[in-house]
């Protein structure tokens, strides 16, 4: 194994560890966040090698599974529904009233 290959493997290991840490902490996952947590330069994982591609694909798949998992504010949703119903009633009343 050449020094260049061992450097790539070390970088891959650091990026994968950073990704695990971000997942455990519940922080937002992005390529930038992984690079920053791993102590890598911005854009390091953009180099075209299979090891970095694996890390990028892992980040993308985790982002897809994590999207839409924000906590739901039940009171806020109920309030929105009530307001929409109120405005629909008012709209219907106005449309049914005789026009002058």
PDB file of N, CA and C in Angstrom:
ATOM      1  N   UNK A   1       0.856  -1.181   0.000  1.00  0.00           N
ATOM      2  CA  UNK A   1       0.000   0.000   0.000  1.00  0.00           C
ATOM      3  C   UNK A   1       0.896   1.236   0.000  1.00  0.00           C
ATOM      4  N   UNK A   2       0.633   2.166  -0.886  1.00  0.00           N
ATOM      5  CA  UNK A   2       1.443   3.378  -0.962  1.00  0.00           C
ATOM      6  C   UNK A   2       1.004   4.363   0.100  1.00  0.00           C
ATOM      7  N   UNK A   3       1.828   5.379   0.303  1.00  0.00           N
ATOM      8  CA  UNK A   3       1.483   6.408   1.289  1.00  0.00           C
ATOM      9  C   UNK A   3       0.198   7.117   0.917  1.00  0.00           C
ATOM     10  N   UNK A   4       0.013   7.324  -0.400  1.00  0.00           N
ATOM     11  CA  UNK A   4      -1.200   8.008  -0.856  1.00  0.00           C
ATOM     12  C   UNK A   4      -2.438   7.187  -0.508  1.00  0.00           C
ATOM     13  N   UNK A   5      -2.369   5.876  -0.720  1.00  0.00           N
ATOM     14  CA  UNK A   5      -3.510   5.017  -0.411  1.00  0.00           C
ATOM     15  C   UNK A   5      -3.770   4.962   1.086  1.00  0.00           C
ATOM     16  N   UNK A   6      -2.707   4.901   1.875  1.00  0.00           N
ATOM     17  CA  UNK A   6      -2.914   4.858   3.320  1.00  0.00           C
ATOM     18  C   UNK A   6      -3.505   6.172   3.818  1.00  0.00           C
ATOM     19  N   UNK A   7      -3.123   7.292   3.192  1.00  0.00           N
ATOM     20  CA  UNK A   7      -3.701   8.589   3.547  1.00  0.00           C
ATOM     21  C   UNK A   7      -5.181   8.642   3.231  1.00  0.00           C
ATOM     22  N   UNK A   8      -5.563   8.077   2.089  1.00  0.00           N
ATOM     23  CA  UNK A   8      -6.969   8.036   1.700  1.00  0.00           C
ATOM     24  C   UNK A   8      -7.751   7.185   2.697  1.00  0.00           C
ATOM     25  N   UNK A   9      -7.198   6.056   3.084  1.00  0.00           N
ATOM     26  CA  UNK A   9      -7.877   5.174   4.043  1.00  0.00           C
ATOM     27  C   UNK A   9      -8.036   5.859   5.399  1.00  0.00           C
ATOM     28  N   UNK A  10      -7.005   6.587   5.829  1.00  0.00           N
ATOM     29  CA  UNK A  10      -7.090   7.308   7.106  1.00  0.00           C
ATOM     30  C   UNK A  10      -8.164   8.388   7.037  1.00  0.00           C
ATOM     31  N   UNK A  11      -8.193   9.097   5.918  1.00  0.00           N
ATOM     32  CA  UNK A  11      -9.197  10.149   5.741  1.00  0.00           C
ATOM     33  C   UNK A  11     -10.594   9.545   5.720  1.00  0.00           C
ATOM     34  N   UNK A  12     -10.737   8.419   5.040  1.00  0.00           N
ATOM     35  CA  UNK A  12     -12.026   7.739   4.999  1.00  0.00           C
ATOM     36  C   UNK A  12     -12.455   7.333   6.406  1.00  0.00           C
ATOM     37  N   UNK A  13     -11.536   6.793   7.179  1.00  0.00           N
ATOM     38  CA  UNK A  13     -11.854   6.373   8.547  1.00  0.00           C
ATOM     39  C   UNK A  13     -12.260   7.565   9.407  1.00  0.00           C
ATOM     40  N   UNK A  14     -11.563   8.682   9.259  1.00  0.00           N
ATOM     41  CA  UNK A  14     -11.916   9.887  10.023  1.00  0.00           C
ATOM     42  C   UNK A  14     -13.298  10.391   9.634  1.00  0.00           C
ATOM     43  N   UNK A  15     -13.590  10.374   8.334  1.00  0.00           N
ATOM     44  CA  UNK A  15     -14.895  10.845   7.862  1.00  0.00           C
ATOM     45  C   UNK A  15     -16.010   9.922   8.358  1.00  0.00           C
ATOM     46  N   UNK A  16     -15.780   8.619   8.319  1.00  0.00           N
ATOM     47  CA  UNK A  16     -16.798   7.683   8.791  1.00  0.00           C
ATOM     48  C   UNK A  16     -17.034   7.834  10.293  1.00  0.00           C
ATOM     49  N   UNK A  17     -15.968   8.060  11.053  1.00  0.00           N
ATOM     50  CA  UNK A  17     -16.109   8.284  12.492  1.00  0.00           C
ATOM     51  C   UNK A  17     -16.895   9.569  12.760  1.00  0.00           C
ATOM     52  N   UNK A  18     -16.592  10.613  11.997  1.00  0.00           N
ATOM     53  CA  UNK A  18     -17.305  11.880  12.150  1.00  0.00           C
ATOM     54  C   UNK A  18     -18.785  11.703  11.820  1.00  0.00           C
ATOM     55  N   UNK A  19     -19.074  10.913  10.793  1.00  0.00           N
ATOM     56  CA  UNK A  19     -20.460  10.654  10.415  1.00  0.00           C
ATOM     57  C   UNK A  19     -21.195   9.935  11.547  1.00  0.00           C
ATOM     58  N   UNK A  20     -20.560   8.947  12.153  1.00  0.00           N
ATOM     59  CA  UNK A  20     -21.170   8.239  13.287  1.00  0.00           C
ATOM     60  C   UNK A  20     -21.428   9.198  14.449  1.00  0.00           C
ATOM     61  N   UNK A  21     -20.468  10.072  14.722  1.00  0.00           N
ATOM     62  CA  UNK A  21     -20.629  11.029  15.820  1.00  0.00           C
ATOM     63  C   UNK A  21     -21.796  11.973  15.562  1.00  0.00           C
ATOM     64  N   UNK A  22     -21.927  12.436  14.323  1.00  0.00           N
ATOM     65  CA  UNK A  22     -23.037  13.329  13.982  1.00  0.00           C
ATOM     66  C   UNK A  22     -24.374  12.611  14.139  1.00  0.00           C
ATOM     67  N   UNK A  23     -24.420  11.350  13.729  1.00  0.00           N
ATOM     68  CA  UNK A  23     -25.663  10.585  13.858  1.00  0.00           C
ATOM     69  C   UNK A  23     -26.034  10.429  15.326  1.00  0.00           C
ATOM     70  N   UNK A  24     -25.069  10.099  16.158  1.00  0.00           N
ATOM     71  CA  UNK A  24     -25.341   9.886  17.580  1.00  0.00           C
ATOM     72  C   UNK A  24     -25.746  11.168  18.296  1.00  0.00           C
ATOM     73  N   UNK A  25     -25.172  12.282  17.871  1.00  0.00           N
ATOM     74  CA  UNK A  25     -25.482  13.550  18.527  1.00  0.00           C
ATOM     75  C   UNK A  25     -26.789  14.154  18.027  1.00  0.00           C
ATOM     76  N   UNK A  26     -27.301  13.646  16.907  1.00  0.00           N
ATOM     77  CA  UNK A  26     -28.547  14.165  16.357  1.00  0.00           C
ATOM     78  C   UNK A  26     -28.374  15.455  15.583  1.00  0.00           C
ATOM     79  N   UNK A  27     -27.135  15.811  15.289  1.00  0.00           N
ATOM     80  CA  UNK A  27     -26.883  17.033  14.534  1.00  0.00           C
ATOM     81  C   UNK A  27     -27.212  16.812  13.063  1.00  0.00           C
ATOM     82  N   UNK A  28     -27.328  17.915  12.357  1.00  0.00           N
ATOM     83  CA  UNK A  28     -27.633  17.863  10.939  1.00  0.00           C
ATOM     84  C   UNK A  28     -26.477  17.209  10.192  1.00  0.00           C
ATOM     85  N   UNK A  29     -26.810  16.317   9.284  1.00  0.00           N
ATOM     86  CA  UNK A  29     -25.791  15.589   8.541  1.00  0.00           C
ATOM     87  C   UNK A  29     -25.658  16.192   7.151  1.00  0.00           C
ATOM     88  N   UNK A  30     -24.440  16.575   6.816  1.00  0.00           N
ATOM     89  CA  UNK A  30     -24.115  17.060   5.482  1.00  0.00           C
ATOM     90  C   UNK A  30     -22.653  16.753   5.228  1.00  0.00           C
ATOM     91  N   UNK A  31     -22.263  16.832   3.976  1.00  0.00           N
ATOM     92  CA  UNK A  31     -20.860  16.579   3.650  1.00  0.00           C
ATOM     93  C   UNK A  31     -19.971  17.591   4.362  1.00  0.00           C
ATOM     94  N   UNK A  32     -20.392  18.835   4.384  1.00  0.00           N
ATOM     95  CA  UNK A  32     -19.612  19.876   5.051  1.00  0.00           C
ATOM     96  C   UNK A  32     -19.464  19.579   6.541  1.00  0.00           C
ATOM     97  N   UNK A  33     -20.565  19.174   7.195  1.00  0.00           N
ATOM     98  CA  UNK A  33     -20.519  18.885   8.631  1.00  0.00           C
ATOM     99  C   UNK A  33     -19.591  17.713   8.926  1.00  0.00           C
ATOM    100  N   UNK A  34     -19.624  16.700   8.068  1.00  0.00           N
ATOM    101  CA  UNK A  34     -18.746  15.540   8.254  1.00  0.00           C
ATOM    102  C   UNK A  34     -17.292  15.955   8.096  1.00  0.00           C
ATOM    103  N   UNK A  35     -17.006  16.727   7.050  1.00  0.00           N
ATOM    104  CA  UNK A  35     -15.626  17.176   6.820  1.00  0.00           C
ATOM    105  C   UNK A  35     -15.136  18.034   7.980  1.00  0.00           C
ATOM    106  N   UNK A  36     -15.988  18.911   8.448  1.00  0.00           N
ATOM    107  CA  UNK A  36     -15.603  19.794   9.549  1.00  0.00           C
ATOM    108  C   UNK A  36     -15.344  18.990  10.817  1.00  0.00           C
ATOM    109  N   UNK A  37     -16.245  18.061  11.154  1.00  0.00           N
ATOM    110  CA  UNK A  37     -16.091  17.242  12.356  1.00  0.00           C
ATOM    111  C   UNK A  37     -14.835  16.376  12.264  1.00  0.00           C
ATOM    112  N   UNK A  38     -14.498  15.910  11.056  1.00  0.00           N
ATOM    113  CA  UNK A  38     -13.326  15.044  10.872  1.00  0.00           C
ATOM    114  C   UNK A  38     -12.027  15.837  10.800  1.00  0.00           C
ATOM    115  N   UNK A  39     -12.133  17.165  10.755  1.00  0.00           N
ATOM    116  CA  UNK A  39     -10.935  17.990  10.663  1.00  0.00           C
ATOM    117  C   UNK A  39     -10.357  18.022   9.265  1.00  0.00           C
ATOM    118  N   UNK A  40     -11.213  17.810   8.273  1.00  0.00           N
ATOM    119  CA  UNK A  40     -10.771  17.811   6.880  1.00  0.00           C
ATOM    120  C   UNK A  40     -11.069  19.162   6.247  1.00  0.00           C
ATOM    121  N   UNK A  41     -10.381  19.443   5.173  1.00  0.00           N
ATOM    122  CA  UNK A  41     -10.641  20.674   4.433  1.00  0.00           C
ATOM    123  C   UNK A  41     -11.989  20.561   3.730  1.00  0.00           C
ATOM    124  N   UNK A  42     -12.648  21.699   3.554  1.00  0.00           N
ATOM    125  CA  UNK A  42     -13.927  21.730   2.862  1.00  0.00           C
ATOM    126  C   UNK A  42     -13.737  21.210   1.442  1.00  0.00           C
ATOM    127  N   UNK A  43     -14.518  20.213   1.058  1.00  0.00           N
ATOM    128  CA  UNK A  43     -14.440  19.656  -0.282  1.00  0.00           C
ATOM    129  C   UNK A  43     -13.522  18.457  -0.408  1.00  0.00           C
ATOM    130  N   UNK A  44     -12.904  18.037   0.676  1.00  0.00           N
ATOM    131  CA  UNK A  44     -11.988  16.895   0.614  1.00  0.00           C
ATOM    132  C   UNK A  44     -12.680  15.658   0.061  1.00  0.00           C
ATOM    133  N   UNK A  45     -13.901  15.424   0.464  1.00  0.00           N
ATOM    134  CA  UNK A  45     -14.603  14.212   0.037  1.00  0.00           C
ATOM    135  C   UNK A  45     -15.071  14.279  -1.412  1.00  0.00           C
ATOM    136  N   UNK A  46     -14.823  15.392  -2.087  1.00  0.00           N
ATOM    137  CA  UNK A  46     -15.197  15.507  -3.495  1.00  0.00           C
ATOM    138  C   UNK A  46     -14.164  14.894  -4.428  1.00  0.00           C
ATOM    139  N   UNK A  47     -12.987  14.553  -3.908  1.00  0.00           N
ATOM    140  CA  UNK A  47     -11.983  13.930  -4.765  1.00  0.00           C
ATOM    141  C   UNK A  47     -12.526  12.615  -5.297  1.00  0.00           C
ATOM    142  N   UNK A  48     -12.149  12.304  -6.535  1.00  0.00           N
ATOM    143  CA  UNK A  48     -12.710  11.153  -7.226  1.00  0.00           C
ATOM    144  C   UNK A  48     -11.933   9.882  -6.887  1.00  0.00           C
ATOM    145  N   UNK A  49     -12.313   9.241  -5.799  1.00  0.00           N
ATOM    146  CA  UNK A  49     -11.761   7.928  -5.472  1.00  0.00           C
ATOM    147  C   UNK A  49     -12.876   7.112  -4.818  1.00  0.00           C
ATOM    148  N   UNK A  50     -12.836   5.801  -4.966  1.00  0.00           N
ATOM    149  CA  UNK A  50     -13.938   4.957  -4.486  1.00  0.00           C
ATOM    150  C   UNK A  50     -14.207   5.084  -2.987  1.00  0.00           C
ATOM    151  N   UNK A  51     -13.161   5.275  -2.195  1.00  0.00           N
ATOM    152  CA  UNK A  51     -13.348   5.368  -0.745  1.00  0.00           C
ATOM    153  C   UNK A  51     -14.171   6.598  -0.372  1.00  0.00           C
ATOM    154  N   UNK A  52     -13.854   7.724  -0.991  1.00  0.00           N
ATOM    155  CA  UNK A  52     -14.595   8.954  -0.699  1.00  0.00           C
ATOM    156  C   UNK A  52     -16.010   8.863  -1.255  1.00  0.00           C
ATOM    157  N   UNK A  53     -16.158   8.191  -2.393  1.00  0.00           N
ATOM    158  CA  UNK A  53     -17.483   8.036  -2.987  1.00  0.00           C
ATOM    159  C   UNK A  53     -18.394   7.260  -2.030  1.00  0.00           C
ATOM    160  N   UNK A  54     -17.847   6.244  -1.363  1.00  0.00           N
ATOM    161  CA  UNK A  54     -18.633   5.472  -0.393  1.00  0.00           C
ATOM    162  C   UNK A  54     -19.118   6.366   0.748  1.00  0.00           C
ATOM    163  N   UNK A  55     -18.241   7.224   1.224  1.00  0.00           N
ATOM    164  CA  UNK A  55     -18.615   8.127   2.319  1.00  0.00           C
ATOM    165  C   UNK A  55     -19.692   9.096   1.845  1.00  0.00           C
ATOM    166  N   UNK A  56     -19.519   9.659   0.644  1.00  0.00           N
ATOM    167  CA  UNK A  56     -20.523  10.599   0.106  1.00  0.00           C
ATOM    168  C   UNK A  56     -21.881   9.919  -0.037  1.00  0.00           C
ATOM    169  N   UNK A  57     -21.882   8.679  -0.536  1.00  0.00           N
ATOM    170  CA  UNK A  57     -23.140   7.954  -0.702  1.00  0.00           C
ATOM    171  C   UNK A  57     -23.792   7.666   0.653  1.00  0.00           C
ATOM    172  N   UNK A  58     -22.987   7.359   1.657  1.00  0.00           N
ATOM    173  CA  UNK A  58     -23.530   7.130   3.001  1.00  0.00           C
ATOM    174  C   UNK A  58     -24.172   8.407   3.537  1.00  0.00           C
ATOM    175  N   UNK A  59     -23.518   9.534   3.308  1.00  0.00           N
ATOM    176  CA  UNK A  59     -24.060  10.821   3.757  1.00  0.00           C
ATOM    177  C   UNK A  59     -25.390  11.091   3.066  1.00  0.00           C
ATOM    178  N   UNK A  60     -25.431  10.891   1.744  1.00  0.00           N
ATOM    179  CA  UNK A  60     -26.668  11.146   0.992  1.00  0.00           C
ATOM    180  C   UNK A  60     -27.805  10.245   1.462  1.00  0.00           C
ATOM    181  N   UNK A  61     -27.505   8.968   1.672  1.00  0.00           N
ATOM    182  CA  UNK A  61     -28.579   8.059   2.090  1.00  0.00           C
ATOM    183  C   UNK A  61     -29.080   8.408   3.489  1.00  0.00           C
ATOM    184  N   UNK A  62     -28.188   8.829   4.376  1.00  0.00           N
ATOM    185  CA  UNK A  62     -28.621   9.235   5.715  1.00  0.00           C
ATOM    186  C   UNK A  62     -29.435  10.516   5.666  1.00  0.00           C
ATOM    187  N   UNK A  63     -29.066  11.432   4.781  1.00  0.00           N
ATOM    188  CA  UNK A  63     -29.836  12.671   4.658  1.00  0.00           C
ATOM    189  C   UNK A  63     -31.252  12.363   4.199  1.00  0.00           C
ATOM    190  N   UNK A  64     -31.395  11.410   3.275  1.00  0.00           N
ATOM    191  CA  UNK A  64     -32.724  11.060   2.780  1.00  0.00           C
ATOM    192  C   UNK A  64     -33.576  10.434   3.871  1.00  0.00           C
ATOM    193  N   UNK A  65     -32.971   9.568   4.693  1.00  0.00           N
ATOM    194  CA  UNK A  65     -33.749   8.913   5.740  1.00  0.00           C
ATOM    195  C   UNK A  65     -34.052   9.853   6.891  1.00  0.00           C
ATOM    196  N   UNK A  66     -33.236  10.886   7.075  1.00  0.00           N
ATOM    197  CA  UNK A  66     -33.428  11.806   8.197  1.00  0.00           C
ATOM    198  C   UNK A  66     -34.343  12.966   7.850  1.00  0.00           C
ATOM    199  N   UNK A  67     -34.621  13.176   6.576  1.00  0.00           N
ATOM    200  CA  UNK A  67     -35.471  14.299   6.201  1.00  0.00           C
ATOM    201  C   UNK A  67     -36.882  14.078   6.715  1.00  0.00           C
ATOM    202  N   UNK A  68     -37.479  15.141   7.179  1.00  0.00           N
ATOM    203  CA  UNK A  68     -38.858  15.072   7.643  1.00  0.00           C
ATOM    204  C   UNK A  68     -39.012  14.456   9.012  1.00  0.00           C
ATOM    205  N   UNK A  69     -37.943  14.385   9.777  1.00  0.00           N
ATOM    206  CA  UNK A  69     -38.057  13.810  11.113  1.00  0.00           C
ATOM    207  C   UNK A  69     -38.076  14.894  12.184  1.00  0.00           C
ATOM    208  N   UNK A  70     -38.432  16.092  11.796  1.00  0.00           N
ATOM    209  CA  UNK A  70     -38.507  17.179  12.768  1.00  0.00           C
ATOM    210  C   UNK A  70     -39.667  16.913  13.720  1.00  0.00           C
ATOM    211  N   UNK A  71     -39.532  17.349  14.953  1.00  0.00           N
ATOM    212  CA  UNK A  71     -40.621  17.118  15.908  1.00  0.00           C
ATOM    213  C   UNK A  71     -41.901  17.816  15.461  1.00  0.00           C
ATOM    214  N   UNK A  72     -43.011  17.161  15.689  1.00  0.00           N
ATOM    215  CA  UNK A  72     -44.304  17.687  15.261  1.00  0.00           C
ATOM    216  C   UNK A  72     -44.916  18.474  16.408  1.00  0.00           C
ATOM    217  N   UNK A  73     -45.336  19.689  16.106  1.00  0.00           N
ATOM    218  CA  UNK A  73     -45.986  20.542  17.095  1.00  0.00           C
ATOM    219  C   UNK A  73     -47.489  20.363  16.931  1.00  0.00           C
ATOM    220  N   UNK A  74     -48.061  19.477  17.746  1.00  0.00           N
ATOM    221  CA  UNK A  74     -49.482  19.148  17.626  1.00  0.00           C
ATOM    222  C   UNK A  74     -50.375  20.369  17.820  1.00  0.00           C
ATOM    223  N   UNK A  75     -50.058  21.220  18.795  1.00  0.00           N
ATOM    224  CA  UNK A  75     -50.883  22.406  19.037  1.00  0.00           C
ATOM    225  C   UNK A  75     -50.832  23.341  17.836  1.00  0.00           C
ATOM    226  N   UNK A  76     -49.666  23.505  17.264  1.00  0.00           N
ATOM    227  CA  UNK A  76     -49.531  24.379  16.106  1.00  0.00           C
ATOM    228  C   UNK A  76     -50.333  23.873  14.926  1.00  0.00           C
ATOM    229  N   UNK A  77     -50.321  22.566  14.722  1.00  0.00           N
ATOM    230  CA  UNK A  77     -51.077  21.978  13.621  1.00  0.00           C
ATOM    231  C   UNK A  77     -52.570  22.150  13.858  1.00  0.00           C
ATOM    232  N   UNK A  78     -53.018  21.892  15.080  1.00  0.00           N
ATOM    233  CA  UNK A  78     -54.439  22.057  15.400  1.00  0.00           C
ATOM    234  C   UNK A  78     -54.873  23.501  15.204  1.00  0.00           C
ATOM    235  N   UNK A  79     -54.027  24.431  15.604  1.00  0.00           N
ATOM    236  CA  UNK A  79     -54.351  25.846  15.442  1.00  0.00           C
ATOM    237  C   UNK A  79     -54.450  26.204  13.958  1.00  0.00           C
ATOM    238  N   UNK A  80     -53.548  25.682  13.148  1.00  0.00           N
ATOM    239  CA  UNK A  80     -53.598  25.946  11.713  1.00  0.00           C
ATOM    240  C   UNK A  80     -54.875  25.393  11.099  1.00  0.00           C
ATOM    241  N   UNK A  81     -55.255  24.197  11.507  1.00  0.00           N
ATOM    242  CA  UNK A  81     -56.477  23.588  10.977  1.00  0.00           C
ATOM    243  C   UNK A  81     -57.692  24.424  11.342  1.00  0.00           C
ATOM    244  N   UNK A  82     -57.765  24.879  12.588  1.00  0.00           N
ATOM    245  CA  UNK A  82     -58.898  25.708  13.027  1.00  0.00           C
ATOM    246  C   UNK A  82     -58.959  27.014  12.245  1.00  0.00           C
ATOM    247  N   UNK A  83     -57.809  27.641  12.045  1.00  0.00           N
ATOM    248  CA  UNK A  83     -57.789  28.889  11.285  1.00  0.00           C
ATOM    249  C   UNK A  83     -58.229  28.668   9.843  1.00  0.00           C
ATOM    250  N   UNK A  84     -57.766  27.593   9.229  1.00  0.00           N
ATOM    251  CA  UNK A  84     -58.164  27.305   7.849  1.00  0.00           C
ATOM    252  C   UNK A  84     -59.665  27.077   7.754  1.00  0.00           C
ATOM    253  N   UNK A  85     -60.211  26.339   8.713  1.00  0.00           N
ATOM    254  CA  UNK A  85     -61.656  26.102   8.718  1.00  0.00           C
ATOM    255  C   UNK A  85     -62.416  27.410   8.883  1.00  0.00           C
ATOM    256  N   UNK A  86     -61.922  28.269   9.764  1.00  0.00           N
ATOM    257  CA  UNK A  86     -62.560  29.566  10.000  1.00  0.00           C
ATOM    258  C   UNK A  86     -62.561  30.394   8.720  1.00  0.00           C
ATOM    259  N   UNK A  87     -61.433  30.464   8.043  1.00  0.00           N
ATOM    260  CA  UNK A  87     -61.339  31.260   6.822  1.00  0.00           C
ATOM    261  C   UNK A  87     -62.165  30.659   5.691  1.00  0.00           C
ATOM    262  N   UNK A  88     -62.256  29.353   5.635  1.00  0.00           N
ATOM    263  CA  UNK A  88     -63.095  28.721   4.615  1.00  0.00           C
ATOM    264  C   UNK A  88     -64.569  29.052   4.847  1.00  0.00           C
ATOM    265  N   UNK A  89     -64.992  29.005   6.125  1.00  0.00           N
ATOM    266  CA  UNK A  89     -66.381  29.368   6.439  1.00  0.00           C
ATOM    267  C   UNK A  89     -66.660  30.813   6.031  1.00  0.00           C
ATOM    268  N   UNK A  90     -65.742  31.712   6.390  1.00  0.00           N
ATOM    269  CA  UNK A  90     -65.927  33.124   6.043  1.00  0.00           C
ATOM    270  C   UNK A  90     -65.966  33.313   4.531  1.00  0.00           C
ATOM    271  N   UNK A  91     -65.102  32.610   3.825  1.00  0.00           N
ATOM    272  CA  UNK A  91     -65.073  32.711   2.364  1.00  0.00           C
ATOM    273  C   UNK A  91     -66.388  32.231   1.776  1.00  0.00           C
ATOM    274  N   UNK A  92     -66.872  31.097   2.279  1.00  0.00           N
ATOM    275  CA  UNK A  92     -68.130  30.551   1.770  1.00  0.00           C
ATOM    276  C   UNK A  92     -69.298  31.479   2.076  1.00  0.00           C
ATOM    277  N   UNK A  93     -69.314  32.073   3.265  1.00  0.00           N
ATOM    278  CA  UNK A  93     -70.376  33.016   3.615  1.00  0.00           C
ATOM    279  C   UNK A  93     -70.347  34.226   2.687  1.00  0.00           C
ATOM    280  N   UNK A  94     -69.173  34.725   2.410  1.00  0.00           N
ATOM    281  CA  UNK A  94     -69.063  35.878   1.517  1.00  0.00           C
ATOM    282  C   UNK A  94     -69.481  35.534   0.094  1.00  0.00           C
ATOM    283  N   UNK A  95     -69.140  34.344  -0.351  1.00  0.00           N
ATOM    284  CA  UNK A  95     -69.501  33.972  -1.722  1.00  0.00           C
ATOM    285  C   UNK A  95     -71.000  33.703  -1.851  1.00  0.00           C
ATOM    286  N   UNK A  96     -71.665  33.326  -0.753  1.00  0.00           N
ATOM    287  CA  UNK A  96     -73.100  33.065  -0.783  1.00  0.00           C
ATOM    288  C   UNK A  96     -73.931  34.328  -0.582  1.00  0.00           C
ATOM    289  N   UNK A  97     -73.358  35.364  -0.020  1.00  0.00           N
ATOM    290  CA  UNK A  97     -74.119  36.590   0.230  1.00  0.00           C
ATOM    291  C   UNK A  97     -74.408  37.290  -1.097  1.00  0.00           C
ATOM    292  N   UNK A  98     -75.577  37.974  -1.161  1.00  0.00           N
ATOM    293  CA  UNK A  98     -75.949  38.657  -2.409  1.00  0.00           C
ATOM    294  C   UNK A  98     -74.998  39.822  -2.702  1.00  0.00           C
ATOM    295  N   UNK A  99     -74.717  39.964  -3.960  1.00  0.00           N
ATOM    296  CA  UNK A  99     -73.827  41.054  -4.372  1.00  0.00           C
ATOM    297  C   UNK A  99     -74.644  42.270  -4.748  1.00  0.00           C
ATOM    298  N   UNK A 100     -74.065  43.390  -4.486  1.00  0.00           N
ATOM    299  CA  UNK A 100     -74.761  44.643  -4.738  1.00  0.00           C
ATOM    300  C   UNK A 100     -74.310  45.241  -6.033  1.00  0.00           C
TER     301      UNK A 100
END
